[in-house]
Amino acid sequence: MKNNLFYIKIAGSILISFTVATILTNIVFVENTIGFRPSIGKNLFMKISQIVLSAQKVNKSSLKGIYEKSDPQFSYILLKEKEVEWSQYEFATNGKNITIFVPKGELPPPKKL
């Protein structure tokens, strides 16, 4: 039992040290050099804000059939039309009737558009 706990502690410490080294490589040091980044604080703030914003986007989309996904390089919205429940709005502009479908729970666009 003590041996298993010992090996778990060693594996955990190796995992933690690898994570710290990866974070230092990506945020503190300039890639593939031993030099420090001149704007460590700004770079760290940007990385943390990206993580927070991506977490907010994932939690924000609560509409059925609309999914928000993001990676460090890009983000996109996946819309599955057959899963979305739509609300229908009709507007009269320039003597023409226009029908607009908006996901339920979302506000329609202003009538001026």
C-alpha atoms as a PDB file:
ATOM      1  CA  MET A   1       0.000   0.000   0.000  1.00  0.00           C
ATOM      2  CA  LYS A   2       2.806   2.414   0.898  1.00  0.00           C
ATOM      3  CA  ASN A   3       4.612   1.586  -2.356  1.00  0.00           C
ATOM      4  CA  ASN A   4       1.510   2.423  -4.421  1.00  0.00           C
ATOM      5  CA  LEU A   5       1.112   5.765  -2.655  1.00  0.00           C
ATOM      6  CA  PHE A   6       4.804   6.497  -3.193  1.00  0.00           C
ATOM      7  CA  TYR A   7       4.522   5.827  -6.950  1.00  0.00           C
ATOM      8  CA  ILE A   8       1.369   7.949  -7.189  1.00  0.00           C
ATOM      9  CA  LYS A   9       3.212  10.839  -5.523  1.00  0.00           C
ATOM     10  CA  ILE A  10       6.150  10.476  -7.927  1.00  0.00           C
ATOM     11  CA  ALA A  11       3.844  10.371 -10.970  1.00  0.00           C
ATOM     12  CA  GLY A  12       1.920  13.400  -9.675  1.00  0.00           C
ATOM     13  CA  SER A  13       5.091  15.408  -9.103  1.00  0.00           C
ATOM     14  CA  ILE A  14       6.349  14.560 -12.611  1.00  0.00           C
ATOM     15  CA  LEU A  15       3.010  15.652 -14.086  1.00  0.00           C
ATOM     16  CA  ILE A  16       3.027  18.912 -12.127  1.00  0.00           C
ATOM     17  CA  SER A  17       6.638  19.673 -13.111  1.00  0.00           C
ATOM     18  CA  PHE A  18       5.844  19.004 -16.778  1.00  0.00           C
ATOM     19  CA  THR A  19       2.843  21.356 -16.595  1.00  0.00           C
ATOM     20  CA  VAL A  20       4.912  24.120 -14.957  1.00  0.00           C
ATOM     21  CA  ALA A  21       7.690  23.715 -17.547  1.00  0.00           C
ATOM     22  CA  THR A  22       5.178  23.909 -20.398  1.00  0.00           C
ATOM     23  CA  ILE A  23       3.568  27.036 -18.977  1.00  0.00           C
ATOM     24  CA  LEU A  24       6.960  28.693 -18.476  1.00  0.00           C
ATOM     25  CA  THR A  25       7.986  27.821 -22.023  1.00  0.00           C
ATOM     26  CA  ASN A  26       4.822  29.247 -23.547  1.00  0.00           C
ATOM     27  CA  ILE A  27       4.360  32.353 -21.403  1.00  0.00           C
ATOM     28  CA  VAL A  28       7.598  33.454 -19.721  1.00  0.00           C
ATOM     29  CA  PHE A  29      10.404  32.517 -22.116  1.00  0.00           C
ATOM     30  CA  VAL A  30      10.756  33.427 -25.784  1.00  0.00           C
ATOM     31  CA  GLU A  31      10.262  30.268 -27.870  1.00  0.00           C
ATOM     32  CA  ASN A  32      13.391  28.067 -28.118  1.00  0.00           C
ATOM     33  CA  THR A  33      15.654  30.540 -26.279  1.00  0.00           C
ATOM     34  CA  ILE A  34      16.652  31.244 -22.703  1.00  0.00           C
ATOM     35  CA  GLY A  35      15.636  34.912 -22.947  1.00  0.00           C
ATOM     36  CA  PHE A  36      12.654  36.295 -21.050  1.00  0.00           C
ATOM     37  CA  ARG A  37       9.753  37.908 -22.860  1.00  0.00           C
ATOM     38  CA  PRO A  38       9.872  41.692 -22.526  1.00  0.00           C
ATOM     39  CA  SER A  39       6.150  41.880 -21.703  1.00  0.00           C
ATOM     40  CA  ILE A  40       5.566  38.900 -19.420  1.00  0.00           C
ATOM     41  CA  GLY A  41       2.664  40.511 -17.552  1.00  0.00           C
ATOM     42  CA  LYS A  42       0.813  41.511 -20.708  1.00  0.00           C
ATOM     43  CA  ASN A  43       1.331  38.085 -22.286  1.00  0.00           C
ATOM     44  CA  LEU A  44       0.173  36.303 -19.127  1.00  0.00           C
ATOM     45  CA  PHE A  45      -2.907  38.535 -18.923  1.00  0.00           C
ATOM     46  CA  MET A  46      -3.780  37.791 -22.571  1.00  0.00           C
ATOM     47  CA  LYS A  47      -3.463  34.021 -22.077  1.00  0.00           C
ATOM     48  CA  ILE A  48      -5.643  34.077 -18.951  1.00  0.00           C
ATOM     49  CA  SER A  49      -8.277  36.279 -20.614  1.00  0.00           C
ATOM     50  CA  GLN A  50      -8.409  33.908 -23.616  1.00  0.00           C
ATOM     51  CA  ILE A  51      -9.040  30.973 -21.294  1.00  0.00           C
ATOM     52  CA  VAL A  52     -11.733  32.872 -19.378  1.00  0.00           C
ATOM     53  CA  LEU A  53     -13.459  34.104 -22.546  1.00  0.00           C
ATOM     54  CA  SER A  54     -13.504  30.658 -24.113  1.00  0.00           C
ATOM     55  CA  ALA A  55     -15.001  29.218 -20.912  1.00  0.00           C
ATOM     56  CA  GLN A  56     -17.680  31.935 -20.938  1.00  0.00           C
ATOM     57  CA  LYS A  57     -18.532  31.235 -24.595  1.00  0.00           C
ATOM     58  CA  VAL A  58     -19.005  27.541 -23.959  1.00  0.00           C
ATOM     59  CA  ASN A  59     -21.311  28.224 -20.997  1.00  0.00           C
ATOM     60  CA  LYS A  60     -23.110  31.096 -22.747  1.00  0.00           C
ATOM     61  CA  SER A  61     -24.675  29.057 -25.507  1.00  0.00           C
ATOM     62  CA  SER A  62     -27.678  27.429 -23.870  1.00  0.00           C
ATOM     63  CA  LEU A  63     -29.858  27.391 -26.972  1.00  0.00           C
ATOM     64  CA  LYS A  64     -30.660  23.999 -28.403  1.00  0.00           C
ATOM     65  CA  GLY A  65     -28.909  23.405 -31.731  1.00  0.00           C
ATOM     66  CA  ILE A  66     -26.433  26.299 -31.378  1.00  0.00           C
ATOM     67  CA  TYR A  67     -22.947  25.365 -30.236  1.00  0.00           C
ATOM     68  CA  GLU A  68     -19.957  27.682 -29.757  1.00  0.00           C
ATOM     69  CA  LYS A  69     -16.489  26.194 -30.077  1.00  0.00           C
ATOM     70  CA  SER A  70     -13.069  27.807 -29.900  1.00  0.00           C
ATOM     71  CA  ASP A  71      -9.404  26.963 -30.126  1.00  0.00           C
ATOM     72  CA  PRO A  72      -6.400  29.241 -29.661  1.00  0.00           C
ATOM     73  CA  GLN A  73      -6.260  29.869 -33.425  1.00  0.00           C
ATOM     74  CA  PHE A  74      -9.989  30.263 -34.211  1.00  0.00           C
ATOM     75  CA  SER A  75     -13.533  30.120 -32.903  1.00  0.00           C
ATOM     76  CA  TYR A  76     -16.800  29.304 -34.616  1.00  0.00           C
ATOM     77  CA  ILE A  77     -20.516  28.793 -34.052  1.00  0.00           C
ATOM     78  CA  LEU A  78     -22.056  25.515 -35.148  1.00  0.00           C
ATOM     79  CA  LEU A  79     -25.731  25.863 -36.082  1.00  0.00           C
ATOM     80  CA  LYS A  80     -27.751  22.681 -36.528  1.00  0.00           C
ATOM     81  CA  GLU A  81     -30.941  23.945 -38.172  1.00  0.00           C
ATOM     82  CA  LYS A  82     -33.039  20.865 -37.481  1.00  0.00           C
ATOM     83  CA  GLU A  83     -32.340  21.061 -33.726  1.00  0.00           C
ATOM     84  CA  VAL A  84     -33.092  24.787 -33.321  1.00  0.00           C
ATOM     85  CA  GLU A  85     -36.540  25.934 -32.245  1.00  0.00           C
ATOM     86  CA  TRP A  86     -37.378  29.021 -34.318  1.00  0.00           C
ATOM     87  CA  SER A  87     -39.581  32.064 -33.658  1.00  0.00           C
ATOM     88  CA  GLN A  88     -41.108  33.704 -36.714  1.00  0.00           C
ATOM     89  CA  TYR A  89     -41.322  37.498 -37.064  1.00  0.00           C
ATOM     90  CA  GLU A  90     -42.940  39.414 -39.895  1.00  0.00           C
ATOM     91  CA  PHE A  91     -42.002  42.958 -40.798  1.00  0.00           C
ATOM     92  CA  ALA A  92     -43.439  45.303 -43.400  1.00  0.00           C
ATOM     93  CA  THR A  93     -40.763  47.421 -45.070  1.00  0.00           C
ATOM     94  CA  ASN A  94     -41.087  49.412 -48.281  1.00  0.00           C
ATOM     95  CA  GLY A  95     -44.482  47.835 -48.958  1.00  0.00           C
ATOM     96  CA  LYS A  96     -43.057  44.302 -48.736  1.00  0.00           C
ATOM     97  CA  ASN A  97     -43.623  41.692 -46.049  1.00  0.00           C
ATOM     98  CA  ILE A  98     -40.417  40.127 -44.783  1.00  0.00           C
ATOM     99  CA  THR A  99     -40.401  36.995 -42.645  1.00  0.00           C
ATOM    100  CA  ILE A 100     -37.455  36.474 -40.303  1.00  0.00           C
ATOM    101  CA  PHE A 101     -36.745  33.328 -38.313  1.00  0.00           C
ATOM    102  CA  VAL A 102     -34.858  33.826 -35.041  1.00  0.00           C
ATOM    103  CA  PRO A 103     -33.934  31.158 -32.458  1.00  0.00           C
ATOM    104  CA  LYS A 104     -36.393  31.082 -29.549  1.00  0.00           C
ATOM    105  CA  GLY A 105     -35.157  33.102 -26.614  1.00  0.00           C
ATOM    106  CA  GLU A 106     -33.298  35.600 -28.828  1.00  0.00           C
ATOM    107  CA  LEU A 107     -34.557  39.095 -29.578  1.00  0.00           C
ATOM    108  CA  PRO A 108     -35.629  39.920 -33.137  1.00  0.00           C
ATOM    109  CA  PRO A 109     -33.599  42.477 -35.081  1.00  0.00           C
ATOM    110  CA  PRO A 110     -34.830  46.085 -34.932  1.00  0.00           C
ATOM    111  CA  LYS A 111     -37.566  46.970 -37.424  1.00  0.00           C
ATOM    112  CA  LYS A 112     -35.386  49.711 -38.949  1.00  0.00           C
ATOM    113  CA  LEU A 113     -33.160  47.088 -40.591  1.00  0.00           C
END
